[in-house]
Amino acid sequence: MPDHPLGGRFVLDTSALLTEGIRRDGEDLAAALRRVLDLVAEATLSLDVACYVPPAVHDELTGILAAREVPEDVRSTLDNWVVTKTPARHEVAVPAEVVGGFVEELSDRVDRGLDVSEAAVRRADADDPVDRVVADLRDEYRSALRRGLLDSRADFDLLVLARELDACVVTEDTGIVPWAEDFGLRHRRGREFPALLERYLRAAEGDAPTEGTVEQ
């Protein structure tokens, strides 16, 4: 538990720091990240806030930032104030109901993927241009099998780490939200996170009351 009454733990998804929702007018990605990470640093030092990412998310995020030519100082600031922590996969218990629901969901999606594939074959047989059939198949197959499904190590580690730390998940990925709820986790949209930190900091200075429940 944090020592400061406004402290709390947050596990950040890649989308939380890349969303355009965190940008103010005229800010590019680097400027927005500098501002948000300054808030994280201030909240860490004064409020006992702690922000984490699992290694898979860290690697994904830093790779994207490098590809988008975000300056090195921003990436260094990220590493300074957002802790990279491997989740305790062997110690954290995942409810059997969650695992069972995942198996059922996966089975249903495989069936849907087969339906999509069969429909594409029938269109090809009807002399539809093959390139268009393949393009449509990829989009429809992705939607049927992957959208809203927990389908990556990064997503799974995010949830396990948040459960381990009893932390709030911060994400813009609407597919993660239902799984966070199944894991019994609190969650916040990434675009709301900077404003939340600002409210905490103002409240700590006595300038404004907090709104809602403090995330732990």
Protein backbone atom coordinates (compact mmCIF):
# COMPACT_ATOMS: atom_id res chain seq x y z
CA MET A 1 0.00 0.00 0.00
CA PRO A 2 1.27 3.54 -0.70
CA ASP A 3 2.20 5.71 2.27
CA HIS A 4 0.60 8.87 0.93
CA PRO A 5 -3.24 8.90 0.94
CA LEU A 6 -3.22 10.02 -2.70
CA GLY A 7 -0.64 7.46 -3.73
CA GLY A 8 -1.44 4.54 -5.97
CA ARG A 9 -0.04 2.00 -8.40
CA PHE A 10 -0.70 2.08 -12.12
CA VAL A 11 0.26 -0.37 -14.85
CA LEU A 12 0.47 1.37 -18.22
CA ASP A 13 -0.38 -0.10 -21.58
CA THR A 14 1.43 1.01 -24.74
CA SER A 15 -1.75 2.67 -25.96
CA ALA A 16 -1.95 4.84 -22.83
CA LEU A 17 1.17 6.76 -23.83
CA LEU A 18 0.65 6.77 -27.58
CA THR A 19 -2.97 7.90 -27.75
CA GLU A 20 -3.61 11.31 -29.27
CA GLY A 21 -6.01 11.81 -26.37
CA ILE A 22 -3.10 12.84 -24.11
CA ARG A 23 -2.01 15.63 -26.47
CA ARG A 24 -2.92 19.27 -26.03
CA ASP A 25 -3.35 21.68 -28.93
CA GLY A 26 -0.16 21.91 -30.94
CA GLU A 27 1.68 19.15 -29.09
CA ASP A 28 3.43 16.42 -30.98
CA LEU A 29 4.01 13.01 -29.39
CA ALA A 30 7.35 13.97 -27.84
CA ALA A 31 5.98 17.13 -26.23
CA ALA A 32 2.95 15.29 -24.86
CA LEU A 33 5.12 12.55 -23.41
CA ARG A 34 7.46 15.07 -21.78
CA ARG A 35 4.51 16.74 -20.07
CA VAL A 36 2.91 13.48 -18.95
CA LEU A 37 6.19 12.04 -17.70
CA ASP A 38 6.84 15.27 -15.77
CA LEU A 39 3.48 14.69 -14.05
CA VAL A 40 4.44 11.09 -13.32
CA ALA A 41 7.76 12.24 -11.85
CA GLU A 42 6.11 14.86 -9.64
CA ALA A 43 3.43 12.44 -8.47
CA THR A 44 6.05 9.77 -7.79
CA LEU A 45 8.15 12.10 -5.65
CA SER A 46 5.38 13.87 -3.77
CA LEU A 47 2.45 11.44 -3.67
CA ASP A 48 4.02 7.97 -3.60
CA VAL A 49 2.48 7.19 -6.99
CA ALA A 50 4.20 4.34 -8.82
CA CYS A 51 3.86 3.52 -12.51
CA TYR A 52 4.89 0.20 -14.03
CA VAL A 53 5.08 -1.61 -17.35
CA PRO A 54 5.91 -5.28 -17.96
CA PRO A 55 8.99 -5.92 -20.15
CA ALA A 56 6.89 -6.88 -23.19
CA VAL A 57 5.09 -3.53 -23.07
CA HIS A 58 8.35 -1.66 -22.45
CA ASP A 59 9.97 -3.26 -25.50
CA GLU A 60 6.92 -2.60 -27.66
CA LEU A 61 6.66 1.01 -26.51
CA THR A 62 10.33 1.92 -26.83
CA GLY A 63 10.45 0.28 -30.26
CA ILE A 64 7.54 2.41 -31.45
CA LEU A 65 9.05 5.58 -29.96
CA ALA A 66 12.36 4.89 -31.69
CA ALA A 67 10.58 4.22 -35.00
CA ARG A 68 8.72 7.52 -34.65
CA GLU A 69 12.03 9.28 -33.91
CA VAL A 70 10.99 10.44 -30.44
CA PRO A 71 14.15 11.98 -28.90
CA GLU A 72 16.36 9.86 -26.69
CA ASP A 73 15.85 12.14 -23.67
CA VAL A 74 12.12 11.31 -23.68
CA ARG A 75 12.85 7.58 -23.77
CA SER A 76 15.35 8.00 -20.93
CA THR A 77 12.78 9.91 -18.87
CA LEU A 78 10.32 7.10 -19.44
CA ASP A 79 12.82 4.58 -18.07
CA ASN A 80 13.54 6.85 -15.08
CA TRP A 81 9.96 7.15 -13.88
CA VAL A 82 8.08 4.15 -15.23
CA VAL A 83 9.37 0.95 -13.64
CA THR A 84 9.81 -2.09 -15.86
CA LYS A 85 8.83 -5.14 -13.82
CA THR A 86 8.41 -8.77 -14.82
CA PRO A 87 5.12 -10.11 -13.46
CA ALA A 88 5.27 -12.98 -11.00
CA ARG A 89 3.57 -15.40 -13.37
CA HIS A 90 4.15 -18.42 -11.11
CA GLU A 91 2.81 -16.70 -8.00
CA VAL A 92 -0.20 -14.75 -9.27
CA ALA A 93 -3.43 -16.74 -9.23
CA VAL A 94 -5.80 -16.34 -12.17
CA PRO A 95 -9.40 -17.38 -11.41
CA ALA A 96 -10.43 -20.64 -13.07
CA GLU A 97 -13.56 -18.88 -14.31
CA VAL A 98 -11.40 -16.45 -16.28
CA VAL A 99 -9.38 -19.28 -17.85
CA GLY A 100 -12.53 -21.21 -18.67
CA GLY A 101 -14.09 -18.14 -20.25
CA PHE A 102 -10.98 -17.61 -22.35
CA VAL A 103 -11.07 -21.21 -23.64
CA GLU A 104 -14.75 -20.88 -24.56
CA GLU A 105 -14.14 -17.53 -26.25
CA LEU A 106 -11.21 -18.91 -28.22
CA SER A 107 -13.24 -21.91 -29.39
CA ASP A 108 -16.07 -19.66 -30.53
CA ARG A 109 -13.68 -17.41 -32.41
CA VAL A 110 -12.07 -20.35 -34.21
CA ASP A 111 -15.54 -21.31 -35.46
CA ARG A 112 -16.15 -17.74 -36.59
CA GLY A 113 -12.79 -17.70 -38.36
CA LEU A 114 -13.74 -20.85 -40.25
CA ASP A 115 -17.03 -19.24 -41.31
CA VAL A 116 -15.16 -16.17 -42.58
CA SER A 117 -12.69 -18.36 -44.49
CA GLU A 118 -15.47 -20.43 -46.06
CA ALA A 119 -17.29 -17.29 -47.18
CA ALA A 120 -14.08 -15.97 -48.77
CA VAL A 121 -13.55 -19.22 -50.70
CA ARG A 122 -17.10 -19.06 -52.02
CA ARG A 123 -16.57 -15.47 -53.18
CA ALA A 124 -13.36 -16.53 -54.97
CA ASP A 125 -15.27 -19.31 -56.69
CA ALA A 126 -17.74 -16.70 -57.87
CA ASP A 127 -14.94 -15.02 -59.86
CA ASP A 128 -14.38 -12.16 -57.37
CA PRO A 129 -10.85 -10.73 -57.90
CA VAL A 130 -8.52 -12.83 -55.75
CA ASP A 131 -6.58 -9.85 -54.36
CA ARG A 132 -9.80 -8.25 -53.13
CA VAL A 133 -11.00 -11.53 -51.60
CA VAL A 134 -7.68 -11.96 -49.78
CA ALA A 135 -7.74 -8.37 -48.49
CA ASP A 136 -11.31 -8.75 -47.25
CA LEU A 137 -10.48 -12.10 -45.70
CA ARG A 138 -7.57 -10.65 -43.72
CA ASP A 139 -9.74 -7.83 -42.32
CA GLU A 140 -12.68 -10.07 -41.51
CA TYR A 141 -10.50 -12.83 -40.06
CA ARG A 142 -8.67 -10.35 -37.83
CA SER A 143 -11.98 -8.96 -36.61
CA ALA A 144 -13.42 -12.41 -35.95
CA LEU A 145 -10.42 -13.91 -34.18
CA ARG A 146 -8.41 -11.11 -32.61
CA ARG A 147 -10.48 -8.04 -31.84
CA GLY A 148 -11.22 -7.97 -28.13
CA LEU A 149 -9.30 -11.20 -27.51
CA LEU A 150 -6.38 -11.48 -25.14
CA ASP A 151 -3.92 -12.51 -27.85
CA SER A 152 -0.47 -11.26 -26.90
CA ARG A 153 2.08 -11.78 -24.13
CA ALA A 154 2.16 -8.00 -23.59
CA ASP A 155 -1.58 -7.87 -22.86
CA PHE A 156 -1.48 -10.91 -20.58
CA ASP A 157 1.57 -9.66 -18.66
CA LEU A 158 -0.11 -6.27 -18.22
CA LEU A 159 -3.06 -7.91 -16.46
CA VAL A 160 -0.97 -10.30 -14.38
CA LEU A 161 1.31 -7.48 -13.21
CA ALA A 162 -1.66 -5.29 -12.29
CA ARG A 163 -3.19 -8.18 -10.34
CA GLU A 164 0.12 -8.83 -8.57
CA LEU A 165 0.47 -5.17 -7.55
CA ASP A 166 -3.27 -4.55 -6.99
CA ALA A 167 -2.82 -1.73 -9.47
CA CYS A 168 -5.05 0.20 -11.84
CA VAL A 169 -4.71 -0.68 -15.55
CA VAL A 170 -4.30 2.38 -17.77
CA THR A 171 -5.16 1.67 -21.39
CA GLU A 172 -6.88 2.93 -24.51
CA ASP A 173 -7.33 -0.61 -25.80
CA THR A 174 -11.03 -1.38 -25.41
CA GLY A 175 -10.25 -5.07 -25.91
CA ILE A 176 -8.28 -5.15 -22.65
CA VAL A 177 -11.00 -3.55 -20.54
CA PRO A 178 -13.35 -6.57 -20.29
CA TRP A 179 -10.41 -8.77 -19.35
CA ALA A 180 -9.30 -6.29 -16.70
CA GLU A 181 -12.79 -6.50 -15.24
CA ASP A 182 -12.69 -10.31 -15.33
CA PHE A 183 -9.37 -10.16 -13.48
CA GLY A 184 -11.01 -7.95 -10.85
CA LEU A 185 -8.91 -4.93 -11.76
CA ARG A 186 -9.66 -1.23 -11.82
CA HIS A 187 -9.01 0.53 -15.11
CA ARG A 188 -8.66 4.04 -16.53
CA ARG A 189 -8.54 5.32 -20.08
CA GLY A 190 -5.10 6.52 -21.07
CA ARG A 191 -6.42 9.92 -22.09
CA GLU A 192 -7.77 10.43 -18.55
CA PHE A 193 -4.50 9.60 -16.81
CA PRO A 194 -2.73 13.00 -17.04
CA ALA A 195 -5.80 14.82 -15.72
CA LEU A 196 -6.06 12.31 -12.86
CA LEU A 197 -2.47 12.99 -11.83
CA GLU A 198 -3.10 16.73 -12.05
CA ARG A 199 -6.12 16.40 -9.75
CA TYR A 200 -4.09 14.40 -7.25
CA LEU A 201 -1.31 16.99 -7.26
CA ARG A 202 -3.74 19.89 -6.82
CA ALA A 203 -5.48 18.06 -3.99
CA ALA A 204 -2.16 17.45 -2.27
CA GLU A 205 -1.51 21.18 -2.39
CA GLY A 206 -4.96 21.86 -0.95
CA ASP A 207 -6.17 23.64 -4.09
CA ALA A 208 -8.91 21.21 -5.08
CA PRO A 209 -10.74 18.18 -3.72
CA THR A 210 -10.21 14.81 -5.31
CA GLU A 211 -12.99 13.35 -7.43
CA GLY A 212 -14.07 9.77 -6.96
CA THR A 213 -12.09 6.96 -5.42
CA VAL A 214 -8.33 7.16 -5.19
CA GLU A 215 -6.72 4.39 -7.25
CA GLN A 216 -4.49 2.05 -5.22
